[in-house]
Amino acid sequence: LPDESDHSAQLRLYGQSVLLALLMLAVSLLVAASGARVVDSYFSRIAFGRIAGLALLSVALIFGFTHLLRLRYAPLIAAVLVGIMIIGPGFTALWTYQATAHATWNSIDDLDNLIQAQRGNYGSPLHLILLTAPDWPGGRFHDAADVVIFELQQKLWQNGADATVDILHVGAYQDEYVNFPGTCEAQWGEDSAGVCLNNDQIEASRWAFDAHPYENVVVVRYDHHQQTLTPIQRVTLAELADYNITTAGRDVLESNPERVLIPFSN
């Protein structure tokens, strides 16, 4: 807690904190307004910096104001005021984040168990495209699906499954998977966060493995509520308008019927 024996020094400390918070806010605004080339993924980081600046500004102002009034137990009063200010939205956000994060992480084990149990329904070699629902928890946090893809693939290999996987989901930043027209080359100059339908093969998203010929592809619909995987024969890109998928020409994503040993759902 602040030492009230040095009143002026404490005020200078709070003043410096206020100036730092204002600088953080100013920098975040300047970066956001610096040009149209700033992609959406960076805006989320800019927003985090802006929120941190606002939090620091609020705390510095509360502690500084109570110290300026020379109230008895000023630090304790300020701490209570800050607690009241953050306890509602803070705990609500933490609870929501925790529930979504746990649901996303649990989907790794769910998918591993489902794929292991149903591996006999498909031939080899096999590349599974997991089509998630729009409300899949992994689509709510940026980059969460990348973690699921990587961890799921490692778990499948560790448990002896020979399938490779990729995930179609909503919530990805379009700037991270949009391609130059007629190609599967990402415009932003880094690995694509999406799947791309090339002429003779399907290009994997950045945390999946390599490209795959269409003869190895099976599309399955993942219902995270019912914990089911269901093979589907085809889905058009028009139906996947909000998903992380692009094309170099094809407009339909299809399963190879020779790889599917059970009836399709559509």
Protein backbone atom coordinates (compact mmCIF):
# COMPACT_ATOMS: atom_id res chain seq x y z
CA LEU A 1 0.00 0.00 0.00
CA PRO A 2 1.21 3.58 -0.66
CA ASP A 3 3.19 5.23 2.11
CA GLU A 4 1.34 8.41 3.12
CA SER A 5 4.34 9.82 5.00
CA ASP A 6 5.59 11.32 1.75
CA HIS A 7 2.55 13.05 0.33
CA SER A 8 4.27 14.83 -2.55
CA ALA A 9 6.20 11.77 -3.67
CA GLN A 10 3.03 9.72 -3.76
CA LEU A 11 1.24 12.34 -5.83
CA ARG A 12 4.13 12.39 -8.29
CA LEU A 13 3.91 8.60 -8.53
CA TYR A 14 0.20 8.72 -9.29
CA GLY A 15 0.76 11.55 -11.75
CA GLN A 16 3.38 9.49 -13.58
CA SER A 17 0.97 6.56 -13.71
CA VAL A 18 -1.71 8.77 -15.21
CA LEU A 19 0.74 10.06 -17.84
CA LEU A 20 1.79 6.50 -18.68
CA ALA A 21 -1.84 5.44 -19.06
CA LEU A 22 -2.56 8.41 -21.34
CA LEU A 23 0.52 7.53 -23.40
CA MET A 24 -0.69 3.93 -23.78
CA LEU A 25 -4.08 5.17 -24.95
CA ALA A 26 -2.53 7.64 -27.37
CA VAL A 27 -0.21 5.02 -28.87
CA SER A 28 -3.03 2.54 -29.36
CA LEU A 29 -5.13 5.17 -31.12
CA LEU A 30 -2.25 6.33 -33.31
CA VAL A 31 -1.39 2.78 -34.38
CA ALA A 32 -5.04 2.02 -35.13
CA ALA A 33 -5.29 5.16 -37.27
CA SER A 34 -1.92 4.68 -38.98
CA GLY A 35 -3.31 3.18 -42.15
CA ALA A 36 -5.60 0.68 -43.83
CA ARG A 37 -2.86 -1.99 -43.96
CA VAL A 38 -3.30 -2.82 -40.27
CA VAL A 39 -4.97 -6.25 -40.28
CA ASP A 40 -7.72 -7.35 -37.92
CA SER A 41 -5.45 -9.63 -35.91
CA TYR A 42 -3.38 -6.62 -34.86
CA PHE A 43 -6.46 -4.65 -33.90
CA SER A 44 -7.19 -7.20 -31.18
CA ARG A 45 -3.74 -6.58 -29.72
CA ILE A 46 -4.25 -2.82 -30.03
CA ALA A 47 -7.54 -3.18 -28.16
CA PHE A 48 -5.76 -5.07 -25.37
CA GLY A 49 -3.28 -2.21 -25.00
CA ARG A 50 -6.09 0.31 -24.92
CA ILE A 51 -7.94 -1.65 -22.23
CA ALA A 52 -4.75 -1.92 -20.16
CA GLY A 53 -4.28 1.85 -20.47
CA LEU A 54 -7.83 2.53 -19.35
CA ALA A 55 -7.42 0.20 -16.38
CA LEU A 56 -4.18 1.88 -15.31
CA LEU A 57 -5.74 5.33 -15.73
CA SER A 58 -8.77 4.42 -13.60
CA VAL A 59 -6.70 2.91 -10.80
CA ALA A 60 -4.21 5.81 -10.76
CA LEU A 61 -6.98 8.39 -10.64
CA ILE A 62 -8.81 6.65 -7.80
CA PHE A 63 -5.69 6.20 -5.67
CA GLY A 64 -4.47 9.70 -6.50
CA PHE A 65 -7.80 11.35 -5.68
CA THR A 66 -8.17 9.63 -2.31
CA HIS A 67 -4.55 10.47 -1.48
CA LEU A 68 -5.08 14.10 -2.49
CA LEU A 69 -8.02 14.36 -0.05
CA ARG A 70 -5.70 13.18 2.75
CA LEU A 71 -8.32 10.72 3.91
CA ARG A 72 -7.50 8.38 6.75
CA TYR A 73 -6.89 4.88 5.41
CA ALA A 74 -6.82 6.40 1.90
CA PRO A 75 -5.09 3.39 0.31
CA LEU A 76 -7.63 1.01 1.81
CA ILE A 77 -10.53 3.19 0.64
CA ALA A 78 -9.03 3.39 -2.84
CA ALA A 79 -8.53 -0.39 -2.96
CA VAL A 80 -12.18 -0.94 -2.02
CA LEU A 81 -13.33 1.50 -4.71
CA VAL A 82 -11.19 -0.23 -7.34
CA GLY A 83 -12.53 -3.60 -6.21
CA ILE A 84 -16.12 -2.39 -6.54
CA MET A 85 -15.34 -1.02 -9.99
CA ILE A 86 -13.87 -4.26 -11.36
CA ILE A 87 -15.56 -7.05 -9.43
CA GLY A 88 -18.71 -7.15 -11.56
CA PRO A 89 -17.35 -7.04 -15.12
CA GLY A 90 -14.04 -8.60 -14.09
CA PHE A 91 -15.49 -11.77 -12.60
CA THR A 92 -18.10 -12.01 -15.33
CA ALA A 93 -15.43 -11.85 -18.03
CA LEU A 94 -13.21 -14.30 -16.17
CA TRP A 95 -16.04 -16.80 -15.71
CA THR A 96 -17.04 -16.55 -19.38
CA TYR A 97 -13.45 -16.91 -20.55
CA GLN A 98 -12.83 -19.89 -18.28
CA ALA A 99 -15.94 -21.73 -19.45
CA THR A 100 -15.16 -21.14 -23.13
CA ALA A 101 -11.48 -22.04 -22.72
CA HIS A 102 -12.35 -25.30 -20.94
CA ALA A 103 -14.93 -26.21 -23.58
CA THR A 104 -12.41 -25.54 -26.35
CA TRP A 105 -9.70 -27.61 -24.68
CA ASN A 106 -12.13 -30.45 -23.92
CA SER A 107 -13.02 -30.65 -27.62
CA ILE A 108 -9.49 -31.99 -28.26
CA ASP A 109 -10.19 -35.13 -26.23
CA ASP A 110 -13.73 -35.36 -27.62
CA LEU A 111 -12.50 -35.28 -31.20
CA ASP A 112 -9.65 -37.68 -30.50
CA ASN A 113 -12.07 -40.21 -28.97
CA LEU A 114 -14.57 -39.81 -31.80
CA ILE A 115 -11.96 -40.21 -34.54
CA GLN A 116 -10.37 -43.21 -32.82
CA ALA A 117 -13.76 -44.87 -32.41
CA GLN A 118 -14.83 -44.23 -36.01
CA ARG A 119 -11.51 -44.76 -37.79
CA GLY A 120 -12.76 -48.06 -39.17
CA ASN A 121 -15.51 -46.22 -41.08
CA TYR A 122 -12.99 -44.73 -43.50
CA GLY A 123 -10.27 -45.97 -45.81
CA SER A 124 -6.63 -44.92 -46.00
CA PRO A 125 -4.88 -42.62 -46.45
CA LEU A 126 -7.30 -40.24 -44.80
CA HIS A 127 -7.47 -36.48 -44.40
CA LEU A 128 -10.46 -35.41 -42.30
CA ILE A 129 -11.93 -31.93 -42.70
CA LEU A 130 -13.87 -31.19 -39.51
CA LEU A 131 -16.76 -28.84 -40.18
CA THR A 132 -17.70 -27.23 -36.86
CA ALA A 133 -20.93 -25.48 -35.92
CA PRO A 134 -21.05 -21.66 -35.88
CA ASP A 135 -21.27 -21.73 -32.06
CA TRP A 136 -18.28 -24.04 -31.57
CA PRO A 137 -16.31 -22.61 -28.59
CA GLY A 138 -13.00 -22.87 -30.46
CA GLY A 139 -14.17 -20.20 -32.89
CA ARG A 140 -14.72 -17.60 -30.19
CA PHE A 141 -11.06 -16.91 -29.45
CA HIS A 142 -8.62 -15.93 -32.13
CA ASP A 143 -6.00 -18.65 -32.71
CA ALA A 144 -7.81 -21.15 -30.45
CA ALA A 145 -8.62 -23.40 -33.41
CA ASP A 146 -4.92 -23.48 -34.32
CA VAL A 147 -4.16 -24.92 -30.89
CA VAL A 148 -6.92 -27.51 -31.24
CA ILE A 149 -5.66 -28.61 -34.67
CA PHE A 150 -2.07 -28.99 -33.49
CA GLU A 151 -2.86 -30.73 -30.21
CA LEU A 152 -5.46 -33.01 -31.80
CA GLN A 153 -3.06 -34.09 -34.54
CA GLN A 154 -0.33 -34.86 -32.02
CA LYS A 155 -2.75 -36.82 -29.85
CA LEU A 156 -4.02 -38.83 -32.82
CA TRP A 157 -0.51 -39.80 -33.82
CA GLN A 158 0.45 -40.65 -30.26
CA ASN A 159 -2.58 -42.93 -30.01
CA GLY A 160 -1.81 -44.70 -33.27
CA ALA A 161 -4.32 -43.10 -35.64
CA ASP A 162 -3.03 -42.51 -39.17
CA ALA A 163 -5.49 -39.73 -40.10
CA THR A 164 -4.58 -36.08 -40.58
CA VAL A 165 -7.07 -33.35 -39.68
CA ASP A 166 -8.01 -29.77 -40.40
CA ILE A 167 -10.82 -27.63 -39.01
CA LEU A 168 -13.30 -25.31 -40.67
CA HIS A 169 -14.70 -22.75 -38.24
CA VAL A 170 -16.10 -19.26 -37.99
CA GLY A 171 -14.39 -16.47 -36.08
CA ALA A 172 -11.04 -16.40 -37.91
CA TYR A 173 -9.77 -13.03 -39.08
CA GLN A 174 -10.40 -12.83 -42.80
CA ASP A 175 -7.16 -10.91 -43.34
CA GLU A 176 -5.27 -14.03 -42.23
CA TYR A 177 -6.71 -16.37 -44.84
CA VAL A 178 -7.87 -14.30 -47.84
CA ASN A 179 -5.82 -15.14 -50.95
CA PHE A 180 -4.83 -13.47 -54.17
CA PRO A 181 -7.61 -14.13 -56.71
CA GLY A 182 -7.30 -17.47 -58.45
CA THR A 183 -4.55 -18.71 -56.12
CA CYS A 184 -4.03 -20.22 -52.68
CA GLU A 185 -1.37 -17.63 -51.79
CA ALA A 186 -2.32 -15.61 -48.71
CA GLN A 187 -2.34 -11.88 -49.30
CA TRP A 188 -0.94 -10.99 -45.91
CA GLY A 189 2.37 -12.72 -46.69
CA GLU A 190 2.30 -15.31 -43.89
CA ASP A 191 0.91 -18.81 -43.50
CA SER A 192 -2.81 -18.89 -44.07
CA ALA A 193 -5.23 -19.47 -41.20
CA GLY A 194 -7.63 -21.12 -43.60
CA VAL A 195 -8.12 -24.07 -45.91
CA CYS A 196 -7.87 -23.45 -49.64
CA LEU A 197 -9.31 -25.49 -52.51
CA ASN A 198 -6.54 -25.64 -55.09
CA ASN A 199 -6.91 -27.21 -58.51
CA ASP A 200 -5.57 -30.67 -57.70
CA GLN A 201 -5.22 -30.67 -53.91
CA ILE A 202 -6.54 -29.08 -50.75
CA GLU A 203 -4.14 -26.70 -49.01
CA ALA A 204 -4.06 -27.08 -45.22
CA SER A 205 -4.39 -24.27 -42.71
CA ARG A 206 -1.19 -23.11 -40.99
CA TRP A 207 -1.20 -25.56 -38.05
CA ALA A 208 -2.39 -28.56 -40.04
CA PHE A 209 0.06 -30.62 -42.04
CA ASP A 210 0.84 -30.13 -45.72
CA ALA A 211 -1.46 -30.29 -48.71
CA HIS A 212 -3.58 -33.34 -49.53
CA PRO A 213 -4.97 -34.79 -52.77
CA TYR A 214 -8.74 -34.71 -52.99
CA GLU A 215 -8.87 -38.50 -53.16
CA ASN A 216 -7.86 -38.61 -49.48
CA VAL A 217 -10.41 -36.04 -48.26
CA VAL A 218 -13.47 -36.80 -46.16
CA VAL A 219 -15.62 -33.99 -44.77
CA VAL A 220 -17.29 -34.68 -41.42
CA ARG A 221 -19.69 -32.50 -39.50
CA TYR A 222 -18.71 -32.11 -35.85
CA ASP A 223 -21.61 -31.56 -33.44
CA HIS A 224 -19.96 -30.53 -30.17
CA HIS A 225 -23.32 -30.58 -28.37
CA GLN A 226 -24.12 -34.19 -29.24
CA GLN A 227 -20.45 -35.19 -29.54
CA THR A 228 -20.90 -36.78 -32.96
CA LEU A 229 -18.96 -36.89 -36.21
CA THR A 230 -21.04 -37.40 -39.34
CA PRO A 231 -19.61 -37.74 -42.88
CA ILE A 232 -21.16 -35.45 -45.47
CA GLN A 233 -20.84 -35.88 -49.22
CA ARG A 234 -20.45 -32.26 -50.25
CA VAL A 235 -20.76 -28.68 -49.06
CA THR A 236 -20.60 -25.55 -51.19
CA LEU A 237 -18.48 -22.52 -50.46
CA ALA A 238 -21.66 -20.47 -50.48
CA GLU A 239 -22.74 -22.44 -47.40
CA LEU A 240 -19.37 -21.71 -45.79
CA ALA A 241 -19.37 -17.96 -46.33
CA ASP A 242 -18.24 -17.17 -42.77
CA TYR A 243 -15.74 -20.03 -42.49
CA ASN A 244 -11.97 -20.04 -42.92
CA ILE A 245 -11.97 -21.46 -46.43
CA THR A 246 -11.05 -20.00 -49.82
CA THR A 247 -10.66 -21.34 -53.33
CA ALA A 248 -8.47 -21.06 -56.39
CA GLY A 249 -11.43 -22.03 -58.58
CA ARG A 250 -13.53 -24.85 -57.11
CA ASP A 251 -16.79 -23.92 -55.42
CA VAL A 252 -17.58 -27.27 -53.75
CA LEU A 253 -15.78 -29.20 -51.02
CA GLU A 254 -16.46 -32.91 -51.47
CA SER A 255 -15.67 -36.17 -49.73
CA ASN A 256 -14.18 -38.98 -51.76
CA PRO A 257 -16.93 -41.63 -51.60
CA GLU A 258 -14.32 -44.39 -51.95
CA ARG A 259 -12.88 -43.37 -48.58
CA VAL A 260 -16.24 -43.56 -46.79
CA LEU A 261 -17.43 -47.03 -45.77
CA ILE A 262 -20.75 -45.89 -44.20
CA PRO A 263 -23.71 -43.97 -45.65
CA PHE A 264 -23.50 -40.20 -46.00
CA SER A 265 -25.88 -37.98 -44.08
CA ASN A 266 -26.69 -35.84 -47.11
